[in-house]
PDB file of N, CA and C in Angstrom:
ATOM      1  N   UNK A   1      24.972 -72.680 -79.978  1.00  0.00           N
ATOM      2  CA  UNK A   1      25.395 -74.015 -80.339  1.00  0.00           C
ATOM      3  C   UNK A   1      26.227 -74.004 -81.617  1.00  0.00           C
ATOM      4  N   UNK A   2      25.769 -73.247 -82.616  1.00  0.00           N
ATOM      5  CA  UNK A   2      26.497 -73.181 -83.873  1.00  0.00           C
ATOM      6  C   UNK A   2      27.877 -72.559 -83.664  1.00  0.00           C
ATOM      7  N   UNK A   3      27.963 -71.585 -82.758  1.00  0.00           N
ATOM      8  CA  UNK A   3      29.253 -70.962 -82.472  1.00  0.00           C
ATOM      9  C   UNK A   3      30.238 -71.994 -81.925  1.00  0.00           C
ATOM     10  N   UNK A   4      29.769 -72.839 -81.029  1.00  0.00           N
ATOM     11  CA  UNK A   4      30.624 -73.861 -80.429  1.00  0.00           C
ATOM     12  C   UNK A   4      31.116 -74.847 -81.485  1.00  0.00           C
ATOM     13  N   UNK A   5      30.214 -75.303 -82.343  1.00  0.00           N
ATOM     14  CA  UNK A   5      30.614 -76.236 -83.399  1.00  0.00           C
ATOM     15  C   UNK A   5      31.600 -75.588 -84.365  1.00  0.00           C
ATOM     16  N   UNK A   6      31.355 -74.334 -84.707  1.00  0.00           N
ATOM     17  CA  UNK A   6      32.256 -73.619 -85.602  1.00  0.00           C
ATOM     18  C   UNK A   6      33.646 -73.504 -84.977  1.00  0.00           C
ATOM     19  N   UNK A   7      33.696 -73.221 -83.683  1.00  0.00           N
ATOM     20  CA  UNK A   7      34.960 -73.108 -82.973  1.00  0.00           C
ATOM     21  C   UNK A   7      35.705 -74.443 -82.968  1.00  0.00           C
ATOM     22  N   UNK A   8      34.999 -75.529 -82.741  1.00  0.00           N
ATOM     23  CA  UNK A   8      35.616 -76.860 -82.728  1.00  0.00           C
ATOM     24  C   UNK A   8      36.159 -77.212 -84.107  1.00  0.00           C
ATOM     25  N   UNK A   9      35.402 -76.914 -85.149  1.00  0.00           N
ATOM     26  CA  UNK A   9      35.846 -77.214 -86.512  1.00  0.00           C
ATOM     27  C   UNK A   9      37.089 -76.404 -86.862  1.00  0.00           C
ATOM     28  N   UNK A  10      37.109 -75.124 -86.501  1.00  0.00           N
ATOM     29  CA  UNK A  10      38.290 -74.304 -86.778  1.00  0.00           C
ATOM     30  C   UNK A  10      39.507 -74.825 -86.026  1.00  0.00           C
ATOM     31  N   UNK A  11      39.323 -75.218 -84.773  1.00  0.00           N
ATOM     32  CA  UNK A  11      40.422 -75.754 -83.973  1.00  0.00           C
ATOM     33  C   UNK A  11      40.969 -77.019 -84.619  1.00  0.00           C
ATOM     34  N   UNK A  12      40.078 -77.922 -85.025  1.00  0.00           N
ATOM     35  CA  UNK A  12      40.507 -79.173 -85.657  1.00  0.00           C
ATOM     36  C   UNK A  12      41.231 -78.896 -86.974  1.00  0.00           C
ATOM     37  N   UNK A  13      40.726 -77.955 -87.760  1.00  0.00           N
ATOM     38  CA  UNK A  13      41.363 -77.628 -89.033  1.00  0.00           C
ATOM     39  C   UNK A  13      42.772 -77.083 -88.823  1.00  0.00           C
ATOM     40  N   UNK A  14      42.956 -76.251 -87.813  1.00  0.00           N
ATOM     41  CA  UNK A  14      44.295 -75.725 -87.525  1.00  0.00           C
ATOM     42  C   UNK A  14      45.247 -76.837 -87.097  1.00  0.00           C
ATOM     43  N   UNK A  15      44.772 -77.737 -86.257  1.00  0.00           N
ATOM     44  CA  UNK A  15      45.602 -78.850 -85.796  1.00  0.00           C
ATOM     45  C   UNK A  15      45.995 -79.751 -86.953  1.00  0.00           C
ATOM     46  N   UNK A  16      45.038 -80.057 -87.824  1.00  0.00           N
ATOM     47  CA  UNK A  16      45.314 -80.922 -88.969  1.00  0.00           C
ATOM     48  C   UNK A  16      46.293 -80.245 -89.920  1.00  0.00           C
ATOM     49  N   UNK A  17      46.137 -78.952 -90.135  1.00  0.00           N
ATOM     50  CA  UNK A  17      47.024 -78.233 -91.053  1.00  0.00           C
ATOM     51  C   UNK A  17      48.453 -78.175 -90.531  1.00  0.00           C
ATOM     52  N   UNK A  18      48.619 -78.167 -89.221  1.00  0.00           N
ATOM     53  CA  UNK A  18      49.948 -78.026 -88.647  1.00  0.00           C
ATOM     54  C   UNK A  18      50.697 -79.355 -88.520  1.00  0.00           C
ATOM     55  N   UNK A  19      50.005 -80.469 -88.531  1.00  0.00           N
ATOM     56  CA  UNK A  19      50.639 -81.766 -88.268  1.00  0.00           C
ATOM     57  C   UNK A  19      50.549 -82.652 -89.513  1.00  0.00           C
ATOM     58  N   UNK A  20      51.703 -83.049 -90.076  1.00  0.00           N
ATOM     59  CA  UNK A  20      51.679 -83.886 -91.284  1.00  0.00           C
ATOM     60  C   UNK A  20      51.002 -85.249 -91.061  1.00  0.00           C
ATOM     61  N   UNK A  21      51.168 -85.830 -89.891  1.00  0.00           N
ATOM     62  CA  UNK A  21      50.543 -87.129 -89.609  1.00  0.00           C
ATOM     63  C   UNK A  21      49.026 -86.975 -89.562  1.00  0.00           C
ATOM     64  N   UNK A  22      48.556 -85.908 -88.929  1.00  0.00           N
ATOM     65  CA  UNK A  22      47.115 -85.649 -88.851  1.00  0.00           C
ATOM     66  C   UNK A  22      46.547 -85.366 -90.241  1.00  0.00           C
ATOM     67  N   UNK A  23      47.316 -84.665 -91.080  1.00  0.00           N
ATOM     68  CA  UNK A  23      46.869 -84.405 -92.458  1.00  0.00           C
ATOM     69  C   UNK A  23      46.672 -85.719 -93.200  1.00  0.00           C
ATOM     70  N   UNK A  24      47.614 -86.642 -93.037  1.00  0.00           N
ATOM     71  CA  UNK A  24      47.518 -87.941 -93.696  1.00  0.00           C
ATOM     72  C   UNK A  24      46.296 -88.716 -93.206  1.00  0.00           C
ATOM     73  N   UNK A  25      46.066 -88.711 -91.904  1.00  0.00           N
ATOM     74  CA  UNK A  25      44.904 -89.402 -91.341  1.00  0.00           C
ATOM     75  C   UNK A  25      43.602 -88.772 -91.824  1.00  0.00           C
ATOM     76  N   UNK A  26      43.552 -87.459 -91.868  1.00  0.00           N
ATOM     77  CA  UNK A  26      42.347 -86.765 -92.332  1.00  0.00           C
ATOM     78  C   UNK A  26      42.084 -87.061 -93.806  1.00  0.00           C
ATOM     79  N   UNK A  27      43.138 -87.130 -94.595  1.00  0.00           N
ATOM     80  CA  UNK A  27      42.997 -87.437 -96.017  1.00  0.00           C
ATOM     81  C   UNK A  27      42.434 -88.833 -96.204  1.00  0.00           C
ATOM     82  N   UNK A  28      42.988 -89.810 -95.465  1.00  0.00           N
ATOM     83  CA  UNK A  28      42.491 -91.183 -95.574  1.00  0.00           C
ATOM     84  C   UNK A  28      41.038 -91.280 -95.118  1.00  0.00           C
ATOM     85  N   UNK A  29      40.692 -90.568 -94.066  1.00  0.00           N
ATOM     86  CA  UNK A  29      39.313 -90.598 -93.568  1.00  0.00           C
ATOM     87  C   UNK A  29      38.362 -89.986 -94.589  1.00  0.00           C
ATOM     88  N   UNK A  30      38.761 -88.886 -95.209  1.00  0.00           N
ATOM     89  CA  UNK A  30      37.907 -88.226 -96.205  1.00  0.00           C
ATOM     90  C   UNK A  30      37.701 -89.123 -97.421  1.00  0.00           C
ATOM     91  N   UNK A  31      38.749 -89.825 -97.829  1.00  0.00           N
ATOM     92  CA  UNK A  31      38.608 -90.737 -98.970  1.00  0.00           C
ATOM     93  C   UNK A  31      37.676 -91.898 -98.627  1.00  0.00           C
ATOM     94  N   UNK A  32      37.767 -92.387 -97.401  1.00  0.00           N
ATOM     95  CA  UNK A  32      36.864 -93.457 -96.968  1.00  0.00           C
ATOM     96  C   UNK A  32      35.418 -93.009 -96.960  1.00  0.00           C
ATOM     97  N   UNK A  33      35.184 -91.797 -96.491  1.00  0.00           N
ATOM     98  CA  UNK A  33      33.826 -91.251 -96.473  1.00  0.00           C
ATOM     99  C   UNK A  33      33.315 -91.086 -97.900  1.00  0.00           C
ATOM    100  N   UNK A  34      34.163 -90.597 -98.783  1.00  0.00           N
ATOM    101  CA  UNK A  34      33.757 -90.420-100.181  1.00  0.00           C
ATOM    102  C   UNK A  34      33.411 -91.766-100.819  1.00  0.00           C
ATOM    103  N   UNK A  35      34.170 -92.790-100.495  1.00  0.00           N
ATOM    104  CA  UNK A  35      33.896 -94.131-101.020  1.00  0.00           C
ATOM    105  C   UNK A  35      32.523 -94.628-100.536  1.00  0.00           C
ATOM    106  N   UNK A  36      32.230 -94.412 -99.253  1.00  0.00           N
ATOM    107  CA  UNK A  36      30.933 -94.815 -98.702  1.00  0.00           C
ATOM    108  C   UNK A  36      29.794 -94.044 -99.367  1.00  0.00           C
ATOM    109  N   UNK A  37      29.991 -92.750 -99.574  1.00  0.00           N
ATOM    110  CA  UNK A  37      28.945 -91.923-100.192  1.00  0.00           C
ATOM    111  C   UNK A  37      28.654 -92.400-101.610  1.00  0.00           C
ATOM    112  N   UNK A  38      29.690 -92.730-102.356  1.00  0.00           N
ATOM    113  CA  UNK A  38      29.491 -93.248-103.717  1.00  0.00           C
ATOM    114  C   UNK A  38      28.698 -94.549-103.688  1.00  0.00           C
ATOM    115  N   UNK A  39      29.036 -95.410-102.744  1.00  0.00           N
ATOM    116  CA  UNK A  39      28.349 -96.690-102.632  1.00  0.00           C
ATOM    117  C   UNK A  39      26.874 -96.482-102.287  1.00  0.00           C
ATOM    118  N   UNK A  40      26.589 -95.554-101.390  1.00  0.00           N
ATOM    119  CA  UNK A  40      25.203 -95.259-101.014  1.00  0.00           C
ATOM    120  C   UNK A  40      24.439 -94.683-102.207  1.00  0.00           C
ATOM    121  N   UNK A  41      25.078 -93.793-102.962  1.00  0.00           N
ATOM    122  CA  UNK A  41      24.417 -93.153-104.098  1.00  0.00           C
ATOM    123  C   UNK A  41      24.085 -94.157-105.200  1.00  0.00           C
ATOM    124  N   UNK A  42      24.913 -95.179-105.378  1.00  0.00           N
ATOM    125  CA  UNK A  42      24.685 -96.168-106.435  1.00  0.00           C
ATOM    126  C   UNK A  42      23.602 -97.181-106.070  1.00  0.00           C
ATOM    127  N   UNK A  43      23.363 -97.389-104.802  1.00  0.00           N
ATOM    128  CA  UNK A  43      22.451 -98.437-104.346  1.00  0.00           C
ATOM    129  C   UNK A  43      21.002 -98.129-104.734  1.00  0.00           C
ATOM    130  N   UNK A  44      20.219 -99.203-104.950  1.00  0.00           N
ATOM    131  CA  UNK A  44      18.800 -99.033-105.288  1.00  0.00           C
ATOM    132  C   UNK A  44      18.024 -98.415-104.127  1.00  0.00           C
ATOM    133  N   UNK A  45      18.360 -98.798-102.904  1.00  0.00           N
ATOM    134  CA  UNK A  45      17.687 -98.296-101.711  1.00  0.00           C
ATOM    135  C   UNK A  45      18.717 -97.517-100.877  1.00  0.00           C
ATOM    136  N   UNK A  46      18.835 -96.204-101.098  1.00  0.00           N
ATOM    137  CA  UNK A  46      19.864 -95.420-100.412  1.00  0.00           C
ATOM    138  C   UNK A  46      19.731 -95.431 -98.889  1.00  0.00           C
ATOM    139  N   UNK A  47      18.513 -95.489 -98.382  1.00  0.00           N
ATOM    140  CA  UNK A  47      18.324 -95.488 -96.931  1.00  0.00           C
ATOM    141  C   UNK A  47      18.908 -96.763 -96.318  1.00  0.00           C
ATOM    142  N   UNK A  48      18.665 -97.871 -96.973  1.00  0.00           N
ATOM    143  CA  UNK A  48      19.195 -99.155 -96.494  1.00  0.00           C
ATOM    144  C   UNK A  48      20.724 -99.153 -96.578  1.00  0.00           C
ATOM    145  N   UNK A  49      21.261 -98.626 -97.658  1.00  0.00           N
ATOM    146  CA  UNK A  49      22.716 -98.558 -97.825  1.00  0.00           C
ATOM    147  C   UNK A  49      23.340 -97.647 -96.770  1.00  0.00           C
ATOM    148  N   UNK A  50      22.671 -96.548 -96.459  1.00  0.00           N
ATOM    149  CA  UNK A  50      23.176 -95.637 -95.430  1.00  0.00           C
ATOM    150  C   UNK A  50      23.162 -96.318 -94.070  1.00  0.00           C
ATOM    151  N   UNK A  51      22.138 -97.103 -93.799  1.00  0.00           N
ATOM    152  CA  UNK A  51      22.070 -97.850 -92.547  1.00  0.00           C
ATOM    153  C   UNK A  51      23.190 -98.865 -92.439  1.00  0.00           C
ATOM    154  N   UNK A  52      23.478 -99.558 -93.535  1.00  0.00           N
ATOM    155  CA  UNK A  52      24.585-100.526 -93.528  1.00  0.00           C
ATOM    156  C   UNK A  52      25.918 -99.828 -93.298  1.00  0.00           C
ATOM    157  N   UNK A  53      26.095 -98.668 -93.936  1.00  0.00           N
ATOM    158  CA  UNK A  53      27.341 -97.912 -93.761  1.00  0.00           C
ATOM    159  C   UNK A  53      27.489 -97.451 -92.314  1.00  0.00           C
ATOM    160  N   UNK A  54      26.392 -97.013 -91.714  1.00  0.00           N
ATOM    161  CA  UNK A  54      26.427 -96.585 -90.314  1.00  0.00           C
ATOM    162  C   UNK A  54      26.761 -97.764 -89.409  1.00  0.00           C
ATOM    163  N   UNK A  55      26.183 -98.925 -89.688  1.00  0.00           N
ATOM    164  CA  UNK A  55      26.473-100.114 -88.882  1.00  0.00           C
ATOM    165  C   UNK A  55      27.954-100.486 -88.988  1.00  0.00           C
ATOM    166  N   UNK A  56      28.518-100.408 -90.207  1.00  0.00           N
ATOM    167  CA  UNK A  56      29.953-100.713 -90.370  1.00  0.00           C
ATOM    168  C   UNK A  56      30.802 -99.739 -89.564  1.00  0.00           C
ATOM    169  N   UNK A  57      30.437 -98.461 -89.589  1.00  0.00           N
ATOM    170  CA  UNK A  57      31.189 -97.451 -88.846  1.00  0.00           C
ATOM    171  C   UNK A  57      31.101 -97.706 -87.342  1.00  0.00           C
ATOM    172  N   UNK A  58      29.900 -98.019 -86.860  1.00  0.00           N
ATOM    173  CA  UNK A  58      29.738 -98.287 -85.426  1.00  0.00           C
ATOM    174  C   UNK A  58      30.487 -99.543 -85.003  1.00  0.00           C
ATOM    175  N   UNK A  59      30.447-100.585 -85.835  1.00  0.00           N
ATOM    176  CA  UNK A  59      31.185-101.808 -85.526  1.00  0.00           C
ATOM    177  C   UNK A  59      32.686-101.536 -85.478  1.00  0.00           C
ATOM    178  N   UNK A  60      33.149-100.699 -86.392  1.00  0.00           N
ATOM    179  CA  UNK A  60      34.559-100.350 -86.413  1.00  0.00           C
ATOM    180  C   UNK A  60      34.966 -99.587 -85.155  1.00  0.00           C
ATOM    181  N   UNK A  61      34.113 -98.666 -84.722  1.00  0.00           N
ATOM    182  CA  UNK A  61      34.383 -97.911 -83.502  1.00  0.00           C
ATOM    183  C   UNK A  61      34.363 -98.805 -82.272  1.00  0.00           C
ATOM    184  N   UNK A  62      33.410 -99.724 -82.213  1.00  0.00           N
ATOM    185  CA  UNK A  62      33.299-100.616 -81.070  1.00  0.00           C
ATOM    186  C   UNK A  62      34.440-101.620 -81.007  1.00  0.00           C
ATOM    187  N   UNK A  63      34.952-102.043 -82.149  1.00  0.00           N
ATOM    188  CA  UNK A  63      36.052-103.000 -82.153  1.00  0.00           C
ATOM    189  C   UNK A  63      37.375-102.345 -81.777  1.00  0.00           C
ATOM    190  N   UNK A  64      37.448-101.019 -81.875  1.00  0.00           N
ATOM    191  CA  UNK A  64      38.679-100.288 -81.528  1.00  0.00           C
ATOM    192  C   UNK A  64      38.886-100.212 -80.029  1.00  0.00           C
ATOM    193  N   UNK A  65      37.850-100.459 -79.234  1.00  0.00           N
ATOM    194  CA  UNK A  65      37.957-100.369 -77.773  1.00  0.00           C
ATOM    195  C   UNK A  65      38.817-101.411 -77.183  1.00  0.00           C
TER     196      UNK A  65
END
């Protein structure tokens, strides 16, 4: 299982490195994740904050359909 995940990650990294548009999208996604992590770390109840962040992510994915 770990081999498969490692292979997928390497494939994605190569694709992102080769395509400027994908690099830009990956950069924006990483910054968004970092922003969420900071917000979770600052919150009094990190578990609750993580749940809210997950709900926002799921709502965003569902609205994209």
